[in-house]
């Protein structure tokens, strides 16, 4: 799993780039001025120097991660939690303060959610075929936007099903860790230097049981 957590050091924003293995925990982290492809690329090179070869990358689809994994030839599982959040935005009410999906779009949302949450690759073809048959009923502009988006993300939304290993379909474990970083920094009332931040992260990452 790859993700970044933005924090402040004396009022200046920096990003903690994190590489997380579901069986090990945090493998590496790197602090840079912003969340970007260069920093993630540097971290992948450090992992390679350690002899760590990822079989699949899991992320929320950040623009600093997606093109990097493509260039490196690493299969990419998109976090379905973030995908469904995007879908809700596409289909939600025009009311700026409402995230409720109007009734006319709920069947489409439910069908896409069911495909994204498929747990066995053997069940995927039938669900997709059934979905194709229903497309003729979804003709509004929002339906068409959602359908175009769905077909573009489908391969990476279901990438994890291609492996014998148990590939998580969300990066929730890493999101949880980001929350722990935030809570720890509140306890310390912030940090005054990158060196202090690294010490805090070392304690949090390497002395914690992730199970």
Protein backbone atom coordinates (compact mmCIF):
# COMPACT_ATOMS: atom_id res chain seq x y z
CA UNK A 1 0.00 0.00 0.00
CA UNK A 2 1.19 3.50 -0.86
CA UNK A 3 -0.16 6.71 0.60
CA UNK A 4 0.86 10.11 1.89
CA UNK A 5 0.05 11.97 5.09
CA UNK A 6 0.40 15.76 5.10
CA UNK A 7 1.61 17.34 8.35
CA UNK A 8 3.06 20.68 9.44
CA UNK A 9 6.54 21.40 10.74
CA UNK A 10 6.60 24.89 12.25
CA UNK A 11 3.80 25.95 9.90
CA UNK A 12 5.37 24.44 6.78
CA UNK A 13 3.51 21.58 5.08
CA UNK A 14 5.39 18.35 4.35
CA UNK A 15 4.20 14.92 3.25
CA UNK A 16 5.07 11.59 4.84
CA UNK A 17 5.12 9.05 1.99
CA UNK A 18 4.47 5.56 3.37
CA UNK A 19 4.97 2.06 1.96
CA UNK A 20 2.96 -0.51 3.92
CA UNK A 21 2.89 -4.31 3.61
CA UNK A 22 -0.19 -6.06 5.00
CA UNK A 23 1.91 -8.88 6.45
CA UNK A 24 4.79 -6.78 7.77
CA UNK A 25 3.60 -3.26 8.51
CA UNK A 26 5.45 -0.13 7.43
CA UNK A 27 8.38 -1.06 5.20
CA UNK A 28 9.65 2.42 4.46
CA UNK A 29 8.71 6.07 4.73
CA UNK A 30 10.06 9.21 3.15
CA UNK A 31 9.40 12.87 4.01
CA UNK A 32 9.24 15.35 1.14
CA UNK A 33 7.93 18.88 0.59
CA UNK A 34 4.80 17.62 -1.18
CA UNK A 35 3.12 14.39 -2.28
CA UNK A 36 4.51 13.62 -5.70
CA UNK A 37 5.66 10.98 -8.15
CA UNK A 38 9.35 11.72 -7.57
CA UNK A 39 9.14 10.99 -3.84
CA UNK A 40 7.19 7.77 -4.37
CA UNK A 41 9.67 6.74 -7.07
CA UNK A 42 12.57 7.31 -4.71
CA UNK A 43 10.84 5.18 -2.09
CA UNK A 44 10.30 2.34 -4.59
CA UNK A 45 14.02 2.43 -5.38
CA UNK A 46 14.80 2.18 -1.66
CA UNK A 47 12.47 -0.82 -1.40
CA UNK A 48 14.22 -2.43 -4.35
CA UNK A 49 17.58 -1.90 -2.63
CA UNK A 50 16.14 -3.74 0.38
CA UNK A 51 15.19 -6.66 -1.87
CA UNK A 52 11.47 -5.99 -1.50
CA UNK A 53 9.50 -6.61 -4.72
CA UNK A 54 5.80 -5.67 -4.55
CA UNK A 55 3.42 -7.98 -6.40
CA UNK A 56 0.65 -5.37 -6.42
CA UNK A 57 0.32 -1.74 -5.38
CA UNK A 58 -2.79 -0.54 -3.54
CA UNK A 59 -3.63 3.16 -3.42
CA UNK A 60 -6.36 5.78 -3.57
CA UNK A 61 -5.28 6.66 -7.11
CA UNK A 62 -3.25 9.77 -6.27
CA UNK A 63 -1.65 11.37 -9.35
CA UNK A 64 1.79 10.79 -7.86
CA UNK A 65 1.21 7.03 -7.58
CA UNK A 66 -0.83 5.84 -10.57
CA UNK A 67 1.60 6.82 -13.39
CA UNK A 68 4.57 5.57 -11.36
CA UNK A 69 3.08 2.08 -10.93
CA UNK A 70 2.25 2.02 -14.64
CA UNK A 71 5.83 2.89 -15.58
CA UNK A 72 7.24 0.32 -13.16
CA UNK A 73 4.90 -2.39 -14.47
CA UNK A 74 3.41 -2.98 -11.01
CA UNK A 75 -0.26 -4.10 -11.00
CA UNK A 76 -2.42 -1.47 -9.33
CA UNK A 77 -5.48 -2.15 -7.15
CA UNK A 78 -7.48 1.02 -6.63
CA UNK A 79 -9.09 1.45 -3.22
CA UNK A 80 -12.81 0.73 -3.74
CA UNK A 81 -13.72 2.93 -0.75
CA UNK A 82 -12.30 5.95 -2.58
CA UNK A 83 -13.84 4.79 -5.88
CA UNK A 84 -17.32 4.60 -4.35
CA UNK A 85 -16.78 8.01 -2.79
CA UNK A 86 -16.04 9.39 -6.27
CA UNK A 87 -19.10 7.63 -7.69
CA UNK A 88 -21.30 9.19 -5.01
CA UNK A 89 -20.03 12.62 -6.03
CA UNK A 90 -20.85 11.90 -9.67
CA UNK A 91 -24.39 10.75 -8.88
CA UNK A 92 -25.25 12.87 -5.85
CA UNK A 93 -27.86 15.59 -5.67
CA UNK A 94 -27.21 18.98 -7.25
CA UNK A 95 -27.59 20.40 -3.76
CA UNK A 96 -24.04 21.33 -2.72
CA UNK A 97 -24.71 20.39 0.89
CA UNK A 98 -26.19 16.97 0.08
CA UNK A 99 -24.34 13.76 -0.77
CA UNK A 100 -27.55 11.76 -1.10
CA UNK A 101 -27.95 9.79 -4.31
CA UNK A 102 -31.34 10.51 -5.96
CA UNK A 103 -33.58 7.43 -6.50
CA UNK A 104 -33.07 7.50 -10.28
CA UNK A 105 -29.35 6.70 -9.83
CA UNK A 106 -29.47 4.26 -6.93
CA UNK A 107 -29.76 1.08 -9.00
CA UNK A 108 -26.67 2.03 -11.01
CA UNK A 109 -24.77 2.83 -7.82
CA UNK A 110 -25.81 -0.48 -6.23
CA UNK A 111 -24.78 -2.50 -9.30
CA UNK A 112 -21.37 -0.85 -9.54
CA UNK A 113 -20.83 -1.29 -5.80
CA UNK A 114 -21.65 -4.99 -6.12
CA UNK A 115 -19.10 -5.43 -8.92
CA UNK A 116 -16.39 -3.57 -7.01
CA UNK A 117 -17.02 -5.71 -3.91
CA UNK A 118 -16.89 -9.03 -5.76
CA UNK A 119 -14.74 -11.42 -3.72
CA UNK A 120 -14.20 -14.23 -6.24
CA UNK A 121 -12.98 -13.71 -9.79
CA UNK A 122 -15.22 -16.57 -10.96
CA UNK A 123 -18.28 -14.42 -10.15
CA UNK A 124 -17.05 -11.32 -11.96
CA UNK A 125 -17.90 -12.16 -15.63
CA UNK A 126 -21.58 -12.86 -14.90
CA UNK A 127 -21.96 -9.66 -12.89
CA UNK A 128 -20.39 -7.64 -15.68
CA UNK A 129 -22.57 -9.31 -18.32
CA UNK A 130 -25.72 -8.58 -16.28
CA UNK A 131 -24.52 -4.99 -15.90
CA UNK A 132 -24.05 -4.59 -19.67
CA UNK A 133 -27.63 -5.71 -20.28
CA UNK A 134 -28.94 -2.97 -17.99
CA UNK A 135 -26.99 -0.12 -19.58
CA UNK A 136 -29.78 0.66 -22.05
CA UNK A 137 -31.93 1.80 -19.13
CA UNK A 138 -29.39 4.40 -17.98
CA UNK A 139 -29.50 7.27 -20.46
CA UNK A 140 -29.38 10.52 -18.50
CA UNK A 141 -26.22 12.70 -18.74
CA UNK A 142 -25.19 11.68 -15.22
CA UNK A 143 -25.73 8.02 -16.05
CA UNK A 144 -23.48 8.35 -19.09
CA UNK A 145 -20.75 10.13 -17.11
CA UNK A 146 -20.87 7.45 -14.41
CA UNK A 147 -20.79 4.63 -16.98
CA UNK A 148 -17.79 6.11 -18.80
CA UNK A 149 -15.99 6.49 -15.46
CA UNK A 150 -16.92 2.94 -14.40
CA UNK A 151 -15.49 1.25 -17.49
CA UNK A 152 -12.28 3.28 -17.17
CA UNK A 153 -11.60 2.23 -13.54
CA UNK A 154 -13.01 -1.32 -13.64
CA UNK A 155 -9.69 -3.11 -14.44
CA UNK A 156 -7.93 -1.53 -11.47
CA UNK A 157 -10.96 -1.79 -9.20
CA UNK A 158 -10.85 -5.59 -9.57
CA UNK A 159 -7.11 -6.12 -10.08
CA UNK A 160 -6.67 -7.83 -6.70
CA UNK A 161 -8.91 -10.73 -7.76
CA UNK A 162 -6.23 -11.83 -10.23
CA UNK A 163 -3.86 -12.99 -7.49
CA UNK A 164 -3.73 -16.15 -5.42
CA UNK A 165 -2.60 -13.98 -2.52
CA UNK A 166 -5.20 -12.08 -0.49
CA UNK A 167 -4.93 -8.58 -1.96
CA UNK A 168 -6.91 -5.98 0.02
CA UNK A 169 -9.37 -3.95 -2.04
CA UNK A 170 -9.03 -0.85 0.13
CA UNK A 171 -6.13 1.00 1.74
CA UNK A 172 -8.09 1.30 5.00
CA UNK A 173 -5.22 -0.19 7.03
CA UNK A 174 -2.97 2.63 5.90
CA UNK A 175 -5.70 5.23 6.37
CA UNK A 176 -6.01 3.97 9.94
CA UNK A 177 -2.28 4.41 10.41
CA UNK A 178 -2.55 7.97 9.08
CA UNK A 179 -5.12 8.61 11.78
CA UNK A 180 -2.70 7.27 14.39
CA UNK A 181 0.00 9.64 13.11
CA UNK A 182 -2.40 12.57 13.46
CA UNK A 183 -3.38 11.52 16.98
CA UNK A 184 0.27 11.10 18.01
CA UNK A 185 1.20 14.54 16.68
CA UNK A 186 -1.67 16.09 18.65
CA UNK A 187 -0.26 14.44 21.76
CA UNK A 188 3.13 15.99 21.02
CA UNK A 189 1.44 19.28 20.05
CA UNK A 190 3.14 19.22 16.67
CA UNK A 191 6.81 18.87 15.76
CA UNK A 192 9.58 21.43 15.43
CA UNK A 193 11.86 19.66 12.95
CA UNK A 194 12.02 16.87 10.41
CA UNK A 195 14.41 15.04 12.75
CA UNK A 196 11.79 15.11 15.53
CA UNK A 197 9.12 13.89 13.10
CA UNK A 198 11.32 10.99 12.03
CA UNK A 199 11.82 9.97 15.67
CA UNK A 200 8.06 10.00 16.30
CA UNK A 201 7.43 7.95 13.17
CA UNK A 202 10.10 5.44 14.12
CA UNK A 203 8.39 4.83 17.45
CA UNK A 204 4.96 4.61 15.85
CA UNK A 205 5.93 2.44 12.88
CA UNK A 206 8.44 0.01 14.32
CA UNK A 207 7.19 -0.58 17.84
CA UNK A 208 3.53 -1.18 16.92
CA UNK A 209 1.69 -4.44 16.33
CA UNK A 210 -0.29 -3.92 13.11
CA UNK A 211 -2.41 -7.06 13.43
